[in-house]
C-alpha cells in the first residue's frame, strides 16, 4: 500500500483551482485539467515514499500487484483513474474498440497513416461520475429531433442535408449526413452558424444553456464543421453522483464540470472537431457509431454504491460515516473528495490519508479497513461483493 504523488496534466481546457483545492494546496499559474492515477507509460503515477513509478512496480512483480488475473491484462493495470476539472469544452471525440485500435495501430506502424490517432493497440472505454454539476454532449439525437433543428434554422444548405437524413434508415443516413458536414467549406459553416445564432430555436430540444455553449464555441471555432455535429448531439447535465458509461464508438464531448473518470489503460482518442489538436475526420467516420443513443444515467441508490458497466474495472462510491472493510479481488486505487480518512491493510500497516490524496493498494495486501467520515471513490477489478461496512 502506497500514497501516490500528484500527477497533473496541464491541458488548456483545465480549471485553475478545483484540483489544487481538492488537494488543499495553493493553485499555480497553469490550468490543472487532470489528476492521473495509474500506470500508463505516458504519465505513470509515482509513490510518495520511494518516488518509484507505478508501471515499474507492477512490471517487476505483476502477480503480487495485480493478482491471479494478471495475465488477462497482459500484466498491466487495466485502468487509469482520473479527476477531470473542466473549465472549457473538450473536443468532439470518439474512442476505438479493441479490434479497431489493434488495426489502427498496426496500420500506423506499417504506413504512418493515423500517426496522431493511435498511441497503442488497446481499445478504450470509459466511465464518468460527476463530482459537481457537469455538462456534456453524448451520442446523436433522434433523426426527428435533428429534422426539427434544421427546420428551425431555415438555412438552405442545412435544409439540403435533411433530404439525405431518413427516419427509415437513420444509422446509414446519419453517417452520410455527417460525412457531408465534415467536408463542408469554411464559408458555408460560418453562414450556417450565423443563421442558427439568429434563429428562434425554442421549438427544438436545444435549451438556453446549450445555446450559450454553442455561441461561445462559434466564437472560438467559427468555421469548424464540429459546430453542426454539436447541434446534432444530445445535451446532458449530470448531477453530483450521476454516472455514465461511455462505450467505444459513442461520440461525446465534455463541456464543463468536475468528474471522476476511469478509462481503459489506453490514450487512443479520435477527434473530429472543436479543438486546436489534430482532427482525423476519416478515421472518425470509420469507427464512430451513428445510432441515435440516449444516455443511460445511473444514480447512487445507497451510501455504498457500485455502478454497473461492462468494463473490467468497477467504480464504487463510498459515502462513509463509519468503518468499511474490503477483501481484495485485485489491485485498487482510492481517493477521497471530501475529508480525510485512515486506511489499514491486512498486515497492520496504516496511513492517515488527506482529502485528494490517491492511495494505491496492491493485491498482495489481501484487504483493508477504512475509518472516517468521508466520500471515497474506489476503482477496483472484478466484483465488490466481499466489501462490507461496519
Protein backbone atom coordinates (compact mmCIF):
# COMPACT_ATOMS: atom_id res chain seq x y z
CA UNK A 1 0.00 0.00 0.00
CA UNK A 2 1.39 3.42 -1.00
CA UNK A 3 0.34 7.02 -1.23
CA UNK A 4 0.63 8.41 -4.77
CA UNK A 5 2.20 11.79 -5.57
CA UNK A 6 0.21 14.40 -7.55
CA UNK A 7 0.34 13.58 -11.28
CA UNK A 8 -1.16 16.59 -13.03
CA UNK A 9 -1.88 17.13 -16.75
CA UNK A 10 -1.87 20.82 -17.65
CA UNK A 11 -4.19 20.85 -20.68
CA UNK A 12 -5.51 24.21 -21.88
CA UNK A 13 -9.15 23.38 -21.07
CA UNK A 14 -8.46 22.67 -17.39
CA UNK A 15 -9.59 24.62 -14.35
CA UNK A 16 -7.06 26.53 -12.27
CA UNK A 17 -8.45 25.89 -8.79
CA UNK A 18 -10.55 22.69 -8.50
CA UNK A 19 -7.75 20.11 -8.22
CA UNK A 20 -5.47 22.33 -6.07
CA UNK A 21 -8.40 23.00 -3.71
CA UNK A 22 -9.25 19.28 -3.65
CA UNK A 23 -5.65 18.57 -2.59
CA UNK A 24 -5.61 21.56 -0.22
CA UNK A 25 -2.64 23.30 -1.81
CA UNK A 26 -2.14 26.70 -3.49
CA UNK A 27 -3.11 26.96 -7.13
CA UNK A 28 -0.40 27.71 -9.67
CA UNK A 29 -0.31 29.75 -12.87
CA UNK A 30 -1.17 26.80 -15.16
CA UNK A 31 -4.54 25.09 -15.64
CA UNK A 32 -4.78 21.71 -13.92
CA UNK A 33 -7.03 19.65 -16.18
CA UNK A 34 -6.50 16.09 -14.98
CA UNK A 35 -5.14 14.28 -11.93
CA UNK A 36 -3.93 10.89 -13.19
CA UNK A 37 -3.82 7.78 -11.00
CA UNK A 38 -2.47 4.77 -12.83
CA UNK A 39 0.44 3.14 -14.62
CA UNK A 40 0.05 4.32 -18.21
CA UNK A 41 3.52 4.77 -19.74
CA UNK A 42 2.67 8.30 -20.90
CA UNK A 43 2.42 9.51 -17.30
CA UNK A 44 2.64 6.81 -14.61
CA UNK A 45 1.87 7.72 -11.02
CA UNK A 46 4.79 7.70 -8.59
CA UNK A 47 4.78 6.72 -4.94
CA UNK A 48 5.30 9.45 -2.34
CA UNK A 49 7.77 7.44 -0.26
CA UNK A 50 10.10 6.00 -2.92
CA UNK A 51 9.27 8.13 -6.00
CA UNK A 52 9.02 4.87 -7.91
CA UNK A 53 6.74 4.65 -10.94
CA UNK A 54 3.64 2.50 -10.59
CA UNK A 55 4.38 0.98 -14.01
CA UNK A 56 7.78 -0.17 -12.73
CA UNK A 57 6.30 -1.56 -9.51
CA UNK A 58 3.75 -3.61 -11.47
CA UNK A 59 6.10 -4.88 -14.19
CA UNK A 60 8.60 -6.06 -11.55
CA UNK A 61 6.00 -8.22 -9.77
CA UNK A 62 2.69 -8.48 -11.69
CA UNK A 63 1.39 -11.47 -9.72
CA UNK A 64 1.58 -9.78 -6.33
CA UNK A 65 0.45 -6.37 -7.54
CA UNK A 66 -2.33 -7.40 -9.94
CA UNK A 67 -3.33 -10.81 -8.58
CA UNK A 68 -4.25 -14.12 -10.22
CA UNK A 69 -5.75 -12.48 -13.30
CA UNK A 70 -2.60 -10.50 -14.17
CA UNK A 71 -2.12 -12.38 -17.45
CA UNK A 72 -5.68 -11.47 -18.52
CA UNK A 73 -4.50 -7.85 -18.58
CA UNK A 74 -1.10 -8.56 -20.19
CA UNK A 75 0.49 -7.91 -16.79
CA UNK A 76 -0.64 -4.28 -16.89
CA UNK A 77 -3.01 -2.28 -14.70
CA UNK A 78 -6.20 -2.33 -16.83
CA UNK A 79 -7.40 1.17 -15.91
CA UNK A 80 -6.44 4.80 -15.43
CA UNK A 81 -8.35 6.66 -12.73
CA UNK A 82 -8.59 10.43 -13.15
CA UNK A 83 -10.10 13.57 -11.71
CA UNK A 84 -11.12 15.91 -14.55
CA UNK A 85 -11.55 19.64 -13.86
CA UNK A 86 -13.19 21.05 -16.99
CA UNK A 87 -13.23 24.82 -17.43
CA UNK A 88 -13.65 24.89 -21.22
CA UNK A 89 -15.14 22.33 -23.63
CA UNK A 90 -13.05 19.41 -24.83
CA UNK A 91 -13.04 18.23 -28.43
CA UNK A 92 -15.80 16.21 -30.03
CA UNK A 93 -14.24 12.76 -29.93
CA UNK A 94 -14.67 9.03 -30.06
CA UNK A 95 -12.66 6.05 -28.81
CA UNK A 96 -11.94 2.80 -30.67
CA UNK A 97 -12.86 -0.70 -29.54
CA UNK A 98 -10.14 -3.33 -29.15
CA UNK A 99 -10.32 -4.56 -32.76
CA UNK A 100 -10.31 -1.04 -34.24
CA UNK A 101 -7.39 0.02 -32.03
CA UNK A 102 -5.32 -3.00 -32.99
CA UNK A 103 -5.99 -2.48 -36.69
CA UNK A 104 -5.37 1.27 -36.48
CA UNK A 105 -2.15 0.90 -34.53
CA UNK A 106 -0.87 -1.82 -36.89
CA UNK A 107 -1.70 0.36 -39.90
CA UNK A 108 0.09 3.29 -38.30
CA UNK A 109 3.18 1.15 -37.70
CA UNK A 110 3.35 -0.03 -41.29
CA UNK A 111 2.30 3.05 -43.26
CA UNK A 112 2.50 6.01 -40.86
CA UNK A 113 -1.16 6.81 -41.55
CA UNK A 114 -3.05 7.77 -38.43
CA UNK A 115 0.21 8.54 -36.64
CA UNK A 116 -1.53 11.11 -34.49
CA UNK A 117 -4.59 8.94 -33.80
CA UNK A 118 -3.40 5.67 -32.28
CA UNK A 119 -0.86 5.64 -29.48
CA UNK A 120 -1.42 1.98 -28.59
CA UNK A 121 -3.13 -1.20 -29.86
CA UNK A 122 -5.60 -1.14 -26.96
CA UNK A 123 -9.22 -0.10 -27.21
CA UNK A 124 -10.69 2.46 -24.85
CA UNK A 125 -13.90 2.58 -22.86
CA UNK A 126 -14.62 4.91 -20.01
CA UNK A 127 -16.96 5.74 -17.16
CA UNK A 128 -17.57 9.11 -15.52
CA UNK A 129 -19.15 10.10 -12.21
CA UNK A 130 -19.96 13.75 -11.53
CA UNK A 131 -18.42 15.50 -8.52
CA UNK A 132 -20.22 18.75 -9.34
CA UNK A 133 -22.88 19.58 -11.91
CA UNK A 134 -21.31 18.63 -15.24
CA UNK A 135 -22.44 19.32 -18.81
CA UNK A 136 -21.52 17.16 -21.80
CA UNK A 137 -22.55 16.06 -25.25
CA UNK A 138 -23.27 12.35 -25.63
CA UNK A 139 -24.33 10.41 -28.72
CA UNK A 140 -26.54 11.60 -31.56
CA UNK A 141 -30.09 12.83 -31.25
CA UNK A 142 -33.07 11.12 -32.81
CA UNK A 143 -33.47 11.90 -36.52
CA UNK A 144 -36.82 13.64 -35.97
CA UNK A 145 -35.17 15.96 -33.42
CA UNK A 146 -32.41 16.79 -35.93
CA UNK A 147 -35.08 17.49 -38.57
CA UNK A 148 -36.72 19.99 -36.21
CA UNK A 149 -33.39 21.74 -35.59
CA UNK A 150 -32.73 22.00 -39.33
CA UNK A 151 -36.23 23.40 -39.95
CA UNK A 152 -35.87 25.97 -37.16
CA UNK A 153 -32.56 27.20 -38.56
CA UNK A 154 -34.02 27.64 -42.02
CA UNK A 155 -30.69 27.73 -43.87
CA UNK A 156 -30.82 26.40 -47.44
CA UNK A 157 -27.54 24.44 -47.20
CA UNK A 158 -28.61 22.88 -43.91
CA UNK A 159 -32.03 22.04 -45.38
CA UNK A 160 -30.31 20.10 -48.18
CA UNK A 161 -28.80 17.85 -45.54
CA UNK A 162 -32.31 16.99 -44.37
CA UNK A 163 -33.01 15.36 -47.72
CA UNK A 164 -30.43 12.65 -47.03
CA UNK A 165 -31.44 12.21 -43.38
CA UNK A 166 -34.06 9.48 -43.40
CA UNK A 167 -36.03 8.19 -40.42
CA UNK A 168 -36.39 4.84 -42.22
CA UNK A 169 -32.62 4.18 -42.34
CA UNK A 170 -31.41 6.51 -39.56
CA UNK A 171 -27.95 4.99 -38.94
CA UNK A 172 -26.85 4.97 -42.58
CA UNK A 173 -28.36 8.34 -43.39
CA UNK A 174 -26.92 9.99 -40.27
CA UNK A 175 -23.43 8.79 -41.20
CA UNK A 176 -23.90 10.09 -44.75
CA UNK A 177 -25.14 13.45 -43.42
CA UNK A 178 -22.22 13.84 -41.01
CA UNK A 179 -19.77 12.89 -43.76
CA UNK A 180 -21.17 15.78 -45.82
CA UNK A 181 -20.92 18.14 -42.83
CA UNK A 182 -17.27 17.27 -42.20
CA UNK A 183 -16.40 18.12 -45.80
CA UNK A 184 -18.34 21.41 -45.86
CA UNK A 185 -16.26 24.50 -46.69
CA UNK A 186 -15.48 27.19 -44.14
CA UNK A 187 -17.65 29.92 -45.64
CA UNK A 188 -20.71 27.69 -45.60
CA UNK A 189 -20.11 26.68 -41.98
CA UNK A 190 -19.85 30.36 -41.00
CA UNK A 191 -23.05 31.15 -42.86
CA UNK A 192 -25.00 28.29 -41.28
CA UNK A 193 -23.67 29.13 -37.81
CA UNK A 194 -24.68 32.77 -38.19
CA UNK A 195 -28.17 31.73 -39.23
CA UNK A 196 -28.53 29.32 -36.30
CA UNK A 197 -27.46 32.01 -33.84
CA UNK A 198 -30.09 34.42 -35.15
CA UNK A 199 -32.88 31.82 -35.35
CA UNK A 200 -35.62 31.03 -32.85
CA UNK A 201 -34.79 27.52 -31.62
CA UNK A 202 -37.47 27.41 -28.90
CA UNK A 203 -39.46 24.76 -30.78
CA UNK A 204 -36.45 22.40 -30.74
CA UNK A 205 -34.83 20.32 -27.99
CA UNK A 206 -32.00 22.87 -27.74
CA UNK A 207 -32.21 24.75 -24.44
CA UNK A 208 -30.78 28.10 -23.37
CA UNK A 209 -27.74 26.62 -21.66
CA UNK A 210 -26.84 24.62 -24.74
CA UNK A 211 -27.22 27.73 -26.89
CA UNK A 212 -24.74 29.55 -24.65
CA UNK A 213 -22.15 26.83 -25.24
CA UNK A 214 -22.81 26.92 -28.99
CA UNK A 215 -22.41 30.70 -29.08
CA UNK A 216 -19.08 30.57 -27.24
CA UNK A 217 -17.78 27.71 -29.39
CA UNK A 218 -18.74 29.53 -32.59
CA UNK A 219 -16.55 32.45 -31.50
CA UNK A 220 -13.59 30.15 -30.80
CA UNK A 221 -14.05 27.85 -33.84
CA UNK A 222 -16.12 29.95 -36.29
CA UNK A 223 -15.63 27.73 -39.35
CA UNK A 224 -15.39 24.32 -37.67
CA UNK A 225 -17.81 21.65 -39.02
CA UNK A 226 -17.90 20.28 -35.48
CA UNK A 227 -20.33 23.12 -34.65
CA UNK A 228 -23.04 21.34 -36.65
CA UNK A 229 -22.24 18.00 -35.05
CA UNK A 230 -22.63 19.76 -31.71
CA UNK A 231 -26.21 20.66 -32.63
CA UNK A 232 -27.00 17.07 -33.62
CA UNK A 233 -25.75 15.56 -30.32
CA UNK A 234 -27.67 15.02 -27.06
CA UNK A 235 -27.06 17.60 -24.34
CA UNK A 236 -26.67 16.05 -20.89
CA UNK A 237 -26.29 17.53 -17.41
CA UNK A 238 -25.01 15.20 -14.69
CA UNK A 239 -25.70 16.00 -11.05
CA UNK A 240 -23.21 15.02 -8.31
CA UNK A 241 -23.18 11.22 -8.01
CA UNK A 242 -24.61 10.67 -11.51
CA UNK A 243 -22.70 8.07 -13.53
CA UNK A 244 -22.40 7.41 -17.24
CA UNK A 245 -20.74 4.63 -19.24
CA UNK A 246 -19.15 5.81 -22.50
CA UNK A 247 -18.68 2.86 -24.80
CA UNK A 248 -16.23 2.76 -27.72
CA UNK A 249 -17.80 4.37 -30.76
CA UNK A 250 -20.02 6.85 -28.88
CA UNK A 251 -19.33 10.43 -29.94
CA UNK A 252 -19.01 12.72 -26.93
CA UNK A 253 -17.59 15.99 -25.63
CA UNK A 254 -17.23 17.17 -22.04
CA UNK A 255 -18.21 20.83 -21.72
CA UNK A 256 -17.83 21.99 -18.12
CA UNK A 257 -17.73 20.47 -14.65
CA UNK A 258 -15.71 18.14 -12.47
CA UNK A 259 -15.79 14.35 -12.61
CA UNK A 260 -14.11 11.13 -11.60
CA UNK A 261 -13.24 9.33 -14.82
CA UNK A 262 -11.92 5.80 -15.26
CA UNK A 263 -10.69 4.64 -18.65
CA UNK A 264 -9.04 1.59 -20.09
CA UNK A 265 -5.25 1.74 -19.93
CA UNK A 266 -5.20 3.46 -23.31
CA UNK A 267 -4.91 7.02 -24.56
CA UNK A 268 -6.45 6.46 -28.00
CA UNK A 269 -8.61 9.45 -28.94
CA UNK A 270 -10.04 10.19 -32.40
CA UNK A 271 -11.07 13.84 -32.64
CA UNK A 272 -13.42 15.24 -35.26
CA UNK A 273 -13.89 18.88 -34.29
CA UNK A 274 -13.88 21.85 -31.91
CA UNK A 275 -10.24 21.52 -30.96
CA UNK A 276 -6.83 23.02 -31.80
CA UNK A 277 -5.48 19.43 -31.79
CA UNK A 278 -5.20 17.04 -34.73
CA UNK A 279 -8.56 16.11 -36.30
CA UNK A 280 -8.97 12.84 -38.20
CA UNK A 281 -12.41 13.05 -39.79
CA UNK A 282 -11.89 9.97 -41.96
CA UNK A 283 -10.98 7.75 -39.01
CA UNK A 284 -13.87 9.18 -37.03
CA UNK A 285 -16.31 8.17 -39.78
CA UNK A 286 -14.70 4.73 -39.81
CA UNK A 287 -15.09 3.89 -36.10
CA UNK A 288 -17.95 6.02 -34.74
CA UNK A 289 -21.43 4.65 -34.09
CA UNK A 290 -24.21 6.58 -35.81
CA UNK A 291 -27.03 5.07 -33.81
CA UNK A 292 -29.24 7.66 -32.13
CA UNK A 293 -28.43 6.94 -28.50
CA UNK A 294 -29.87 8.32 -25.28
CA UNK A 295 -27.52 8.38 -22.27
CA UNK A 296 -28.30 5.83 -19.54
CA UNK A 297 -27.55 7.76 -16.34
CA UNK A 298 -27.14 5.83 -13.09
CA UNK A 299 -27.65 7.44 -9.69
CA UNK A 300 -26.34 6.06 -6.39
CA UNK A 301 -29.04 4.04 -4.66
CA UNK A 302 -27.29 3.88 -1.30
CA UNK A 303 -24.31 5.24 0.59
CA UNK A 304 -22.08 2.38 -0.63
CA UNK A 305 -22.82 2.05 -4.31
CA UNK A 306 -21.05 0.19 -7.12
CA UNK A 307 -22.01 1.46 -10.57
CA UNK A 308 -22.74 -1.03 -13.35
CA UNK A 309 -20.67 -1.14 -16.54
CA UNK A 310 -19.35 -3.88 -18.88
CA UNK A 311 -15.76 -2.86 -18.11
CA UNK A 312 -13.04 -4.94 -16.41
CA UNK A 313 -12.87 -2.21 -13.76
CA UNK A 314 -15.50 -1.16 -11.23
CA UNK A 315 -16.21 2.28 -9.74
CA UNK A 316 -17.69 2.36 -6.24
CA UNK A 317 -18.83 5.49 -4.41
CA UNK A 318 -18.34 5.16 -0.65
CA UNK A 319 -20.16 7.81 1.37
CA UNK A 320 -18.82 6.76 4.77
CA UNK A 321 -19.57 7.80 8.33
CA UNK A 322 -18.14 4.68 9.95
CA UNK A 323 -15.80 1.80 9.12
CA UNK A 324 -15.61 -0.04 5.82
CA UNK A 325 -13.73 -3.23 5.07
CA UNK A 326 -12.81 -4.89 1.78
CA UNK A 327 -11.24 -8.17 0.71
CA UNK A 328 -9.19 -7.59 -2.44
CA UNK A 329 -10.04 -9.29 -5.72
CA UNK A 330 -7.25 -7.37 -7.45
CA UNK A 331 -5.46 -4.01 -7.14
CA UNK A 332 -7.36 -0.86 -6.18
CA UNK A 333 -6.91 2.91 -6.21
CA UNK A 334 -8.89 5.10 -3.81
CA UNK A 335 -9.30 8.85 -3.41
CA UNK A 336 -11.43 10.92 -1.03
CA UNK A 337 -13.08 14.04 -2.43
CA UNK A 338 -14.47 15.02 1.00
CA UNK A 339 -12.43 14.84 4.20
CA UNK A 340 -9.55 12.70 5.43
CA UNK A 341 -9.56 9.01 6.36
CA UNK A 342 -7.43 6.26 7.85
CA UNK A 343 -6.67 3.06 5.95
CA UNK A 344 -5.13 -0.08 7.45
CA UNK A 345 -4.20 -3.13 5.38
CA UNK A 346 -4.33 -6.79 6.47
CA UNK A 347 -0.68 -6.62 7.62
CA UNK A 348 -1.49 -3.79 10.04
CA UNK A 349 0.21 -1.02 8.05
CA UNK A 350 -1.72 2.26 8.23
CA UNK A 351 -1.87 5.65 6.53
CA UNK A 352 -3.70 8.80 7.56
CA UNK A 353 -4.84 9.96 4.13
CA UNK A 354 -5.59 13.59 3.27
CA UNK A 355 -8.50 14.65 1.09
CA UNK A 356 -7.45 14.47 -2.58
CA UNK A 357 -4.55 12.08 -1.85
CA UNK A 358 -4.66 8.91 -4.02
CA UNK A 359 -3.89 5.54 -2.42
CA UNK A 360 -2.54 2.50 -4.31
CA UNK A 361 -3.50 -0.87 -2.82
CA UNK A 362 -1.83 -3.91 -4.46
CA UNK A 363 -3.46 -7.34 -4.48
CA UNK A 364 -0.79 -8.63 -2.08
CA UNK A 365 -2.31 -6.50 0.71
CA UNK A 366 -5.24 -9.01 0.78
CA UNK A 367 -7.64 -6.50 2.29
CA UNK A 368 -8.01 -3.23 4.17
CA UNK A 369 -10.18 -1.30 6.58
CA UNK A 370 -11.13 2.38 6.24
CA UNK A 371 -12.17 4.62 9.12
CA UNK A 372 -13.52 8.11 8.61
CA UNK A 373 -16.38 10.43 7.72
CA UNK A 374 -15.61 10.92 4.04
CA UNK A 375 -16.62 10.45 0.40
CA UNK A 376 -14.29 7.96 -1.32
CA UNK A 377 -14.20 6.88 -4.95
CA UNK A 378 -12.78 3.41 -5.32
CA UNK A 379 -11.59 1.80 -8.54
CA UNK A 380 -11.22 -1.97 -8.35
CA UNK A 381 -11.07 -5.03 -10.56
CA UNK A 382 -13.92 -7.50 -10.51
CA UNK A 383 -16.82 -7.74 -8.10
CA UNK A 384 -17.10 -5.86 -4.81
CA UNK A 385 -19.48 -8.30 -3.09
CA UNK A 386 -16.88 -9.02 -0.42
CA UNK A 387 -16.85 -5.39 0.73
CA UNK A 388 -18.86 -4.52 3.81
CA UNK A 389 -19.42 -1.57 6.16
CA UNK A 390 -19.06 -1.89 9.93
